[in-house]
C-alpha atoms as a PDB file:
ATOM      1  CA  MET A   1     -11.934   2.572   2.473  1.00  0.00           C
ATOM      2  CA  ALA A   2     -13.695   2.019  -0.847  1.00  0.00           C
ATOM      3  CA  ASP A   3     -17.409   1.240  -0.998  1.00  0.00           C
ATOM      4  CA  LYS A   4     -16.781  -2.203  -2.502  1.00  0.00           C
ATOM      5  CA  ILE A   5     -18.312  -5.114  -0.672  1.00  0.00           C
ATOM      6  CA  TYR A   6     -16.291  -8.337  -0.791  1.00  0.00           C
ATOM      7  CA  ASN A   7     -18.207 -11.616  -0.933  1.00  0.00           C
ATOM      8  CA  ILE A   8     -16.644 -14.973  -0.104  1.00  0.00           C
ATOM      9  CA  THR A   9     -18.382 -18.350  -0.148  1.00  0.00           C
ATOM     10  CA  PHE A  10     -16.769 -21.256   1.714  1.00  0.00           C
ATOM     11  CA  GLY A  11     -17.996 -24.800   1.279  1.00  0.00           C
ATOM     12  CA  GLY A  12     -17.256 -28.430   1.830  1.00  0.00           C
ATOM     13  CA  THR A  13     -18.351 -31.189   4.143  1.00  0.00           C
ATOM     14  CA  GLY A  14     -18.729 -31.349   7.904  1.00  0.00           C
ATOM     15  CA  GLY A  15     -15.464 -31.729   9.786  1.00  0.00           C
ATOM     16  CA  GLN A  16     -13.309 -29.942   7.195  1.00  0.00           C
ATOM     17  CA  GLY A  17     -13.105 -26.663   9.104  1.00  0.00           C
ATOM     18  CA  ILE A  18     -15.299 -24.557   6.836  1.00  0.00           C
ATOM     19  CA  LEU A  19     -16.843 -22.641   9.710  1.00  0.00           C
ATOM     20  CA  LYS A  20     -13.442 -22.041  11.304  1.00  0.00           C
ATOM     21  CA  ALA A  21     -12.065 -20.759   7.973  1.00  0.00           C
ATOM     22  CA  ALA A  22     -14.991 -18.349   7.612  1.00  0.00           C
ATOM     23  CA  GLU A  23     -14.514 -17.223  11.203  1.00  0.00           C
ATOM     24  CA  ILE A  24     -10.831 -16.424  10.553  1.00  0.00           C
ATOM     25  CA  CYS A  25     -11.814 -14.441   7.456  1.00  0.00           C
ATOM     26  CA  GLY A  26     -14.483 -12.525   9.367  1.00  0.00           C
ATOM     27  CA  TRP A  27     -12.154 -11.621  12.223  1.00  0.00           C
ATOM     28  CA  ALA A  28      -9.385 -10.543   9.826  1.00  0.00           C
ATOM     29  CA  ALA A  29     -11.785  -8.257   7.965  1.00  0.00           C
ATOM     30  CA  MET A  30     -13.076  -6.828  11.234  1.00  0.00           C
ATOM     31  CA  TYR A  31      -9.541  -6.163  12.503  1.00  0.00           C
ATOM     32  CA  ALA A  32      -8.855  -4.397   9.194  1.00  0.00           C
ATOM     33  CA  GLY A  33     -11.717  -2.017   9.942  1.00  0.00           C
ATOM     34  CA  TYR A  34     -14.420  -3.453   7.714  1.00  0.00           C
ATOM     35  CA  HIS A  35     -18.060  -4.004   8.611  1.00  0.00           C
ATOM     36  CA  VAL A  36     -18.552  -7.795   8.500  1.00  0.00           C
ATOM     37  CA  LYS A  37     -21.515 -10.153   8.164  1.00  0.00           C
ATOM     38  CA  LYS A  38     -21.214 -13.945   8.278  1.00  0.00           C
ATOM     39  CA  SER A  39     -23.726 -16.710   7.744  1.00  0.00           C
ATOM     40  CA  GLU A  40     -23.553 -20.487   8.050  1.00  0.00           C
ATOM     41  CA  VAL A  41     -25.647 -23.050   6.241  1.00  0.00           C
ATOM     42  CA  HIS A  42     -25.435 -26.597   7.546  1.00  0.00           C
ATOM     43  CA  GLY A  43     -26.687 -29.653   5.740  1.00  0.00           C
ATOM     44  CA  MET A  44     -26.629 -32.742   7.874  1.00  0.00           C
ATOM     45  CA  ALA A  45     -25.353 -31.734  11.287  1.00  0.00           C
ATOM     46  CA  GLN A  46     -22.668 -34.378  11.324  1.00  0.00           C
ATOM     47  CA  ARG A  47     -19.256 -35.100   9.890  1.00  0.00           C
ATOM     48  CA  GLY A  48     -19.579 -35.515   6.129  1.00  0.00           C
ATOM     49  CA  GLY A  49     -22.739 -33.436   5.549  1.00  0.00           C
ATOM     50  CA  SER A  50     -22.729 -30.361   3.305  1.00  0.00           C
ATOM     51  CA  VAL A  51     -21.606 -27.147   4.973  1.00  0.00           C
ATOM     52  CA  GLU A  52     -21.276 -23.671   3.550  1.00  0.00           C
ATOM     53  CA  SER A  53     -20.517 -20.306   5.033  1.00  0.00           C
ATOM     54  CA  HIS A  54     -20.734 -16.826   3.587  1.00  0.00           C
ATOM     55  CA  VAL A  55     -18.584 -13.876   4.628  1.00  0.00           C
ATOM     56  CA  ARG A  56     -19.309 -10.376   3.373  1.00  0.00           C
ATOM     57  CA  PHE A  57     -17.312  -7.305   4.303  1.00  0.00           C
ATOM     58  CA  GLY A  58     -17.014  -3.694   3.236  1.00  0.00           C
ATOM     59  CA  LYS A  59     -17.766  -0.164   4.395  1.00  0.00           C
ATOM     60  CA  LYS A  60     -21.359  -1.150   5.257  1.00  0.00           C
ATOM     61  CA  VAL A  61     -22.908  -4.602   4.767  1.00  0.00           C
ATOM     62  CA  PHE A  62     -26.597  -5.296   5.314  1.00  0.00           C
ATOM     63  CA  SER A  63     -27.072  -8.993   4.504  1.00  0.00           C
ATOM     64  CA  PRO A  64     -24.868 -11.936   5.492  1.00  0.00           C
ATOM     65  CA  ILE A  65     -25.822 -14.091   2.493  1.00  0.00           C
ATOM     66  CA  VAL A  66     -23.867 -14.055  -0.760  1.00  0.00           C
ATOM     67  CA  GLN A  67     -26.327 -14.179  -3.653  1.00  0.00           C
ATOM     68  CA  GLN A  68     -25.871 -16.674  -6.479  1.00  0.00           C
ATOM     69  CA  GLY A  69     -23.452 -15.123  -8.955  1.00  0.00           C
ATOM     70  CA  GLY A  70     -22.212 -12.701  -6.293  1.00  0.00           C
ATOM     71  CA  ALA A  71     -19.092 -14.278  -4.760  1.00  0.00           C
ATOM     72  CA  ASP A  72     -15.771 -12.612  -5.465  1.00  0.00           C
ATOM     73  CA  VAL A  73     -14.034 -15.753  -4.222  1.00  0.00           C
ATOM     74  CA  LEU A  74     -15.166 -19.363  -3.844  1.00  0.00           C
ATOM     75  CA  VAL A  75     -13.184 -21.467  -1.367  1.00  0.00           C
ATOM     76  CA  CYS A  76     -14.210 -25.098  -1.687  1.00  0.00           C
ATOM     77  CA  PHE A  77     -12.712 -27.818   0.513  1.00  0.00           C
ATOM     78  CA  HIS A  78     -14.284 -30.804  -1.256  1.00  0.00           C
ATOM     79  CA  PRO A  79     -14.460 -31.430  -5.034  1.00  0.00           C
ATOM     80  CA  GLU A  80     -17.969 -32.912  -4.905  1.00  0.00           C
ATOM     81  CA  GLU A  81     -19.308 -29.822  -3.141  1.00  0.00           C
ATOM     82  CA  HIS A  82     -17.697 -27.586  -5.767  1.00  0.00           C
ATOM     83  CA  ASP A  83     -20.341 -28.391  -8.393  1.00  0.00           C
ATOM     84  CA  ARG A  84     -23.100 -27.370  -5.991  1.00  0.00           C
ATOM     85  CA  LEU A  85     -21.388 -24.150  -4.883  1.00  0.00           C
ATOM     86  CA  LYS A  86     -19.938 -22.764  -8.118  1.00  0.00           C
ATOM     87  CA  VAL A  87     -23.286 -21.028  -8.823  1.00  0.00           C
ATOM     88  CA  PHE A  88     -22.285 -18.497  -6.164  1.00  0.00           C
ATOM     89  CA  LEU A  89     -19.177 -17.345  -8.063  1.00  0.00           C
ATOM     90  CA  LYS A  90     -19.266 -14.139 -10.115  1.00  0.00           C
ATOM     91  CA  ALA A  91     -18.363 -14.509 -13.779  1.00  0.00           C
ATOM     92  CA  ASP A  92     -15.073 -12.733 -13.036  1.00  0.00           C
ATOM     93  CA  GLY A  93     -14.679 -14.166  -9.519  1.00  0.00           C
ATOM     94  CA  LYS A  94     -11.734 -16.225  -8.301  1.00  0.00           C
ATOM     95  CA  ASP A  95     -12.336 -19.952  -7.836  1.00  0.00           C
ATOM     96  CA  LEU A  96      -9.733 -21.424  -5.482  1.00  0.00           C
ATOM     97  CA  ILE A  97     -10.555 -25.048  -6.445  1.00  0.00           C
ATOM     98  CA  GLU A  98      -7.303 -25.078  -8.427  1.00  0.00           C
ATOM     99  CA  TYR A  99      -5.462 -24.933  -5.096  1.00  0.00           C
ATOM    100  CA  LEU A 100      -7.265 -27.846  -3.437  1.00  0.00           C
ATOM    101  CA  GLU A 101      -4.971 -30.670  -4.575  1.00  0.00           C
ATOM    102  CA  LYS A 102      -1.885 -28.442  -4.276  1.00  0.00           C
ATOM    103  CA  ALA A 103      -2.898 -27.661  -0.691  1.00  0.00           C
ATOM    104  CA  LYS A 104      -3.392 -31.327   0.182  1.00  0.00           C
ATOM    105  CA  ALA A 105       0.084 -32.080  -1.184  1.00  0.00           C
ATOM    106  CA  ALA A 106       1.666 -29.140   0.687  1.00  0.00           C
ATOM    107  CA  ILE A 107       0.431 -29.995   4.194  1.00  0.00           C
ATOM    108  CA  ALA A 108       1.370 -32.882   6.442  1.00  0.00           C
ATOM    109  CA  ASN A 109      -1.827 -32.861   8.515  1.00  0.00           C
ATOM    110  CA  PRO A 110      -5.229 -32.872   6.710  1.00  0.00           C
ATOM    111  CA  ARG A 111      -6.658 -30.874   9.627  1.00  0.00           C
ATOM    112  CA  HIS A 112      -4.639 -27.908   8.345  1.00  0.00           C
ATOM    113  CA  LEU A 113      -6.377 -27.781   4.957  1.00  0.00           C
ATOM    114  CA  ASN A 114      -8.701 -24.994   6.090  1.00  0.00           C
ATOM    115  CA  THR A 115      -5.912 -22.777   7.429  1.00  0.00           C
ATOM    116  CA  PHE A 116      -3.817 -23.356   4.311  1.00  0.00           C
ATOM    117  CA  LEU A 117      -6.678 -22.400   1.995  1.00  0.00           C
ATOM    118  CA  VAL A 118      -7.404 -19.315   4.116  1.00  0.00           C
ATOM    119  CA  GLY A 119      -3.765 -18.399   3.500  1.00  0.00           C
ATOM    120  CA  VAL A 120      -4.334 -18.752  -0.252  1.00  0.00           C
ATOM    121  CA  LEU A 121      -7.536 -16.696   0.051  1.00  0.00           C
ATOM    122  CA  SER A 122      -5.692 -13.939   1.904  1.00  0.00           C
ATOM    123  CA  ALA A 123      -3.565 -13.294  -1.196  1.00  0.00           C
ATOM    124  CA  TYR A 124      -6.733 -12.243  -3.062  1.00  0.00           C
ATOM    125  CA  LEU A 125      -8.232  -9.875  -0.485  1.00  0.00           C
ATOM    126  CA  PRO A 126      -7.249  -6.351   0.640  1.00  0.00           C
ATOM    127  CA  ILE A 127      -6.466  -7.345   4.231  1.00  0.00           C
ATOM    128  CA  LYS A 128      -2.908  -7.079   5.557  1.00  0.00           C
ATOM    129  CA  PRO A 129      -1.216 -10.279   6.788  1.00  0.00           C
ATOM    130  CA  ASP A 130      -1.005  -8.926  10.356  1.00  0.00           C
ATOM    131  CA  TYR A 131      -4.806  -8.890  10.603  1.00  0.00           C
ATOM    132  CA  TRP A 132      -5.031 -12.480   9.390  1.00  0.00           C
ATOM    133  CA  LEU A 133      -2.449 -13.571  11.963  1.00  0.00           C
ATOM    134  CA  LYS A 134      -4.323 -11.713  14.710  1.00  0.00           C
ATOM    135  CA  ALA A 135      -7.516 -13.490  13.587  1.00  0.00           C
ATOM    136  CA  ILE A 136      -5.760 -16.861  13.882  1.00  0.00           C
ATOM    137  CA  GLU A 137      -4.783 -15.916  17.443  1.00  0.00           C
ATOM    138  CA  SER A 138      -8.436 -15.097  18.170  1.00  0.00           C
ATOM    139  CA  VAL A 139      -9.897 -18.278  16.683  1.00  0.00           C
ATOM    140  CA  PHE A 140      -7.520 -21.063  17.696  1.00  0.00           C
ATOM    141  CA  LYS A 141      -6.644 -22.296  21.163  1.00  0.00           C
ATOM    142  CA  LYS A 142      -3.241 -20.985  22.233  1.00  0.00           C
ATOM    143  CA  LYS A 143      -1.477 -24.345  21.778  1.00  0.00           C
ATOM    144  CA  TYR A 144      -2.476 -24.414  18.055  1.00  0.00           C
ATOM    145  CA  VAL A 145      -1.769 -20.779  17.153  1.00  0.00           C
ATOM    146  CA  GLU A 146       1.876 -20.918  16.037  1.00  0.00           C
ATOM    147  CA  GLU A 147       1.394 -24.078  14.009  1.00  0.00           C
ATOM    148  CA  ASN A 148      -1.620 -22.574  12.224  1.00  0.00           C
ATOM    149  CA  LYS A 149       0.205 -19.306  11.574  1.00  0.00           C
ATOM    150  CA  GLY A 150       2.942 -21.266   9.807  1.00  0.00           C
ATOM    151  CA  VAL A 151       0.413 -23.182   7.700  1.00  0.00           C
ATOM    152  CA  PHE A 152      -1.423 -19.937   6.870  1.00  0.00           C
ATOM    153  CA  LEU A 153       1.776 -18.236   5.717  1.00  0.00           C
ATOM    154  CA  LYS A 154       2.654 -21.222   3.532  1.00  0.00           C
ATOM    155  CA  GLY A 155      -0.792 -21.006   1.918  1.00  0.00           C
ATOM    156  CA  ARG A 156      -0.496 -17.252   1.454  1.00  0.00           C
ATOM    157  CA  GLU A 157       2.835 -17.756  -0.275  1.00  0.00           C
ATOM    158  CA  MET A 158       1.238 -20.251  -2.668  1.00  0.00           C
ATOM    159  CA  GLY A 159      -1.609 -17.824  -3.387  1.00  0.00           C
ATOM    160  CA  GLN A 160       0.838 -15.048  -4.216  1.00  0.00           C
ATOM    161  CA  SER A 161       2.937 -17.151  -6.607  1.00  0.00           C
END
């Protein structure tokens, strides 16, 4: 395992599944054998308020917060939040905002946006698909697991193309 620490910033508005997406990412990294730190920043504690979450993983991680200009990947679920959060992205980082409208068009249920974008994200990180699928099993209630696995794989396919 290399010494690189991976930094991901998730953001959007309350009710979009930002925290669930970050949780999936954290579990996948942990299952892959990485040391993981996760932090959540809530704006208004209600649907529609700003929400962001940071996930950091690597051989050894000390702080859960991604510094401004430190994110390898920015996963934004809402275009208006993107302007506020893009300061976290490294100059050579990957901004997944280009996938937002594609994701909305590719899914039937808006509640699946988070899982789809996690699938896209997975194409940019060194974590095997099996660990992501195991993370989905850990995070979702049993009755939602298979459906979310399918959505995740569809997103991963888009991220790889």
